């Protein structure tokens, strides 16, 4: 799943970043990928 790959990259590349940033990215890609998953 593309989102999981992006999420892993975010975590690996931003280990010292606030969790709030990762959470925002998670929500953004979650809602962004939904229409694509629904096809």
C-alpha atoms as a PDB file:
ATOM      1  CA  UNK A   1       0.000   0.000   0.000  1.00  0.00           C
ATOM      2  CA  UNK A   2       1.438   3.329  -1.091  1.00  0.00           C
ATOM      3  CA  UNK A   3       0.351   5.081   2.095  1.00  0.00           C
ATOM      4  CA  UNK A   4       2.262   2.642   4.299  1.00  0.00           C
ATOM      5  CA  UNK A   5       5.383   3.224   2.223  1.00  0.00           C
ATOM      6  CA  UNK A   6       4.987   6.990   2.567  1.00  0.00           C
ATOM      7  CA  UNK A   7       4.318   6.631   6.273  1.00  0.00           C
ATOM      8  CA  UNK A   8       7.485   4.562   6.724  1.00  0.00           C
ATOM      9  CA  UNK A   9       9.488   7.174   4.808  1.00  0.00           C
ATOM     10  CA  UNK A  10       8.076   9.939   7.010  1.00  0.00           C
ATOM     11  CA  UNK A  11       8.969   8.041  10.182  1.00  0.00           C
ATOM     12  CA  UNK A  12      12.450   7.120   8.971  1.00  0.00           C
ATOM     13  CA  UNK A  13      13.247  10.562   7.586  1.00  0.00           C
ATOM     14  CA  UNK A  14      11.745  12.519  10.483  1.00  0.00           C
ATOM     15  CA  UNK A  15      12.605  10.492  13.568  1.00  0.00           C
ATOM     16  CA  UNK A  16      13.241  13.683  15.531  1.00  0.00           C
ATOM     17  CA  UNK A  17      10.142  15.456  14.235  1.00  0.00           C
ATOM     18  CA  UNK A  18       7.183  16.114  16.516  1.00  0.00           C
ATOM     19  CA  UNK A  19       4.609  13.348  16.526  1.00  0.00           C
ATOM     20  CA  UNK A  20       1.993  16.000  15.729  1.00  0.00           C
ATOM     21  CA  UNK A  21       3.606  16.448  12.299  1.00  0.00           C
ATOM     22  CA  UNK A  22       3.515  12.698  11.643  1.00  0.00           C
ATOM     23  CA  UNK A  23      -0.104  12.621  12.817  1.00  0.00           C
ATOM     24  CA  UNK A  24      -1.046  15.428  10.415  1.00  0.00           C
ATOM     25  CA  UNK A  25       0.701  13.620   7.561  1.00  0.00           C
ATOM     26  CA  UNK A  26      -1.134  10.421   8.511  1.00  0.00           C
ATOM     27  CA  UNK A  27      -4.541  12.138   8.454  1.00  0.00           C
ATOM     28  CA  UNK A  28      -3.739  13.954   5.195  1.00  0.00           C
ATOM     29  CA  UNK A  29      -2.676  10.846   3.293  1.00  0.00           C
ATOM     30  CA  UNK A  30      -5.451   8.768   4.891  1.00  0.00           C
ATOM     31  CA  UNK A  31      -8.177  11.039   3.534  1.00  0.00           C
ATOM     32  CA  UNK A  32      -6.229  11.752   0.349  1.00  0.00           C
ATOM     33  CA  UNK A  33      -5.855   8.053  -0.522  1.00  0.00           C
ATOM     34  CA  UNK A  34      -9.457   7.104   0.338  1.00  0.00           C
ATOM     35  CA  UNK A  35     -10.982   8.054  -3.063  1.00  0.00           C
ATOM     36  CA  UNK A  36      -8.201   6.151  -4.825  1.00  0.00           C
ATOM     37  CA  UNK A  37      -8.826   3.056  -2.713  1.00  0.00           C
ATOM     38  CA  UNK A  38     -12.555   3.240  -3.401  1.00  0.00           C
ATOM     39  CA  UNK A  39     -11.795   3.342  -7.132  1.00  0.00           C
END
